[in-house]
């Protein structure tokens, strides 16, 4: 994780403003699972098999955030779960994805996704922690 204590706020792509903040930059793999055909079965496999596999086999991660979609103001949501696997650098994420454990876990994510293929994204995350007022 890269910490920038320059007290700058990233704004609209390229401009910076001093707001007395501290900025952390990390990288994450995001997995978006479509709504499964059988939610109870998916949840059982996801919690009892897939998450423990990810915890064990995804080397270099700093945390895993697993979100379950519970609703949408637009009706039935097309997605059921969003998993975010955080890494301190892009190199750590790439090394994990290229590892045998990373390949096995990614293949398992595809295999358990009964509602269609999951979407895989790589993102740079900026976290702004504001101090003071």
Protein backbone atom coordinates (compact mmCIF):
# COMPACT_ATOMS: atom_id res chain seq x y z
CA UNK A 1 0.00 0.00 0.00
CA UNK A 2 1.42 3.36 -0.99
CA UNK A 3 0.71 6.12 1.52
CA UNK A 4 0.91 9.68 0.38
CA UNK A 5 1.06 12.18 3.20
CA UNK A 6 1.24 15.15 0.90
CA UNK A 7 -2.16 16.38 2.11
CA UNK A 8 -3.55 16.42 -1.41
CA UNK A 9 -6.96 15.41 -2.69
CA UNK A 10 -7.25 13.72 -6.08
CA UNK A 11 -10.02 15.44 -8.01
CA UNK A 12 -11.50 14.98 -11.47
CA UNK A 13 -8.67 12.95 -12.87
CA UNK A 14 -5.79 15.41 -12.70
CA UNK A 15 -6.28 18.30 -10.28
CA UNK A 16 -5.13 18.36 -6.69
CA UNK A 17 -6.39 20.46 -3.80
CA UNK A 18 -4.96 20.69 -0.29
CA UNK A 19 -7.68 19.58 2.14
CA UNK A 20 -5.49 18.25 4.94
CA UNK A 21 -6.09 14.62 3.95
CA UNK A 22 -3.93 11.51 3.87
CA UNK A 23 -4.28 9.32 0.78
CA UNK A 24 -3.63 5.57 0.50
CA UNK A 25 -3.41 3.84 -2.87
CA UNK A 26 -3.96 0.09 -3.15
CA UNK A 27 -4.94 -2.27 -5.93
CA UNK A 28 -7.73 -4.80 -5.98
CA UNK A 29 -9.22 -7.58 -8.01
CA UNK A 30 -12.99 -7.20 -8.18
CA UNK A 31 -15.18 -10.22 -8.94
CA UNK A 32 -18.85 -9.54 -9.73
CA UNK A 33 -21.07 -12.61 -9.60
CA UNK A 34 -24.34 -12.63 -11.57
CA UNK A 35 -27.50 -13.64 -9.73
CA UNK A 36 -27.19 -17.44 -9.35
CA UNK A 37 -29.84 -19.93 -10.46
CA UNK A 38 -30.01 -21.33 -6.91
CA UNK A 39 -29.07 -18.68 -4.34
CA UNK A 40 -29.00 -21.01 -1.32
CA UNK A 41 -26.72 -23.49 -3.07
CA UNK A 42 -24.41 -20.72 -4.30
CA UNK A 43 -24.18 -19.18 -0.83
CA UNK A 44 -23.34 -22.53 0.76
CA UNK A 45 -20.56 -23.24 -1.74
CA UNK A 46 -19.30 -19.65 -1.69
CA UNK A 47 -19.04 -19.45 2.11
CA UNK A 48 -17.94 -23.02 2.87
CA UNK A 49 -15.61 -23.71 -0.06
CA UNK A 50 -14.71 -20.70 -2.17
CA UNK A 51 -13.95 -18.10 0.51
CA UNK A 52 -11.74 -20.52 2.51
CA UNK A 53 -9.91 -21.36 -0.74
CA UNK A 54 -9.34 -17.67 -1.47
CA UNK A 55 -8.08 -17.04 2.07
CA UNK A 56 -5.64 -19.95 1.79
CA UNK A 57 -4.44 -19.67 -1.80
CA UNK A 58 -4.39 -15.96 -2.71
CA UNK A 59 -0.90 -14.96 -1.62
CA UNK A 60 0.00 -11.32 -1.05
CA UNK A 61 -3.54 -10.11 -0.33
CA UNK A 62 -4.11 -7.62 2.47
CA UNK A 63 -7.85 -8.15 2.85
CA UNK A 64 -10.94 -9.58 1.21
CA UNK A 65 -14.24 -7.68 1.20
CA UNK A 66 -17.26 -9.81 0.27
CA UNK A 67 -20.47 -7.88 -0.39
CA UNK A 68 -23.85 -9.52 -0.85
CA UNK A 69 -26.32 -7.50 -2.93
CA UNK A 70 -29.62 -7.37 -1.04
CA UNK A 71 -31.69 -5.16 -3.29
CA UNK A 72 -31.96 -2.38 -5.83
CA UNK A 73 -34.45 0.46 -6.29
CA UNK A 74 -34.61 -0.70 -9.93
CA UNK A 75 -36.00 -4.15 -9.08
CA UNK A 76 -34.24 -7.49 -8.89
CA UNK A 77 -30.50 -6.82 -9.10
CA UNK A 78 -28.61 -8.61 -11.88
CA UNK A 79 -25.70 -9.30 -9.54
CA UNK A 80 -25.61 -11.26 -6.28
CA UNK A 81 -22.11 -10.79 -4.85
CA UNK A 82 -19.14 -8.51 -5.32
CA UNK A 83 -15.79 -9.66 -3.96
CA UNK A 84 -12.83 -7.31 -3.61
CA UNK A 85 -9.38 -8.79 -3.00
CA UNK A 86 -6.96 -6.06 -1.96
CA UNK A 87 -3.22 -5.96 -2.63
CA UNK A 88 -0.50 -3.46 -1.65
CA UNK A 89 0.71 -3.07 -5.25
CA UNK A 90 -0.12 -3.97 -8.83
CA UNK A 91 2.89 -6.27 -8.84
CA UNK A 92 1.51 -8.21 -5.85
CA UNK A 93 -1.88 -8.55 -7.57
CA UNK A 94 -0.28 -9.75 -10.82
CA UNK A 95 1.96 -12.23 -8.98
CA UNK A 96 -1.05 -13.63 -7.14
CA UNK A 97 -3.12 -13.98 -10.32
CA UNK A 98 -0.21 -15.75 -12.08
CA UNK A 99 0.39 -18.15 -9.17
CA UNK A 100 -1.01 -21.67 -9.10
CA UNK A 101 -3.25 -20.75 -6.13
CA UNK A 102 -4.50 -17.65 -7.96
CA UNK A 103 -5.33 -19.63 -11.08
CA UNK A 104 -7.15 -22.30 -9.05
CA UNK A 105 -9.19 -19.72 -7.15
CA UNK A 106 -10.13 -17.79 -10.29
CA UNK A 107 -11.16 -21.04 -12.03
CA UNK A 108 -13.25 -21.96 -8.98
CA UNK A 109 -14.98 -18.56 -9.08
CA UNK A 110 -16.02 -19.29 -12.66
CA UNK A 111 -17.10 -22.85 -11.81
CA UNK A 112 -19.39 -21.86 -8.91
CA UNK A 113 -21.05 -18.97 -10.76
CA UNK A 114 -24.29 -20.66 -11.87
CA UNK A 115 -25.89 -17.44 -13.15
CA UNK A 116 -23.28 -16.89 -15.85
CA UNK A 117 -19.61 -16.01 -15.98
CA UNK A 118 -18.42 -13.62 -13.27
CA UNK A 119 -16.94 -10.27 -14.27
CA UNK A 120 -13.30 -9.74 -13.29
CA UNK A 121 -11.93 -6.21 -12.95
CA UNK A 122 -8.63 -4.77 -11.73
CA UNK A 123 -8.87 -1.42 -9.97
CA UNK A 124 -6.69 1.14 -8.29
CA UNK A 125 -8.36 2.23 -5.09
CA UNK A 126 -7.75 5.60 -3.50
CA UNK A 127 -8.81 5.99 0.10
CA UNK A 128 -8.95 9.46 1.59
CA UNK A 129 -8.79 9.72 5.37
CA UNK A 130 -9.64 13.22 6.51
CA UNK A 131 -8.07 14.65 9.61
CA UNK A 132 -9.31 17.49 11.74
CA UNK A 133 -12.66 19.24 11.55
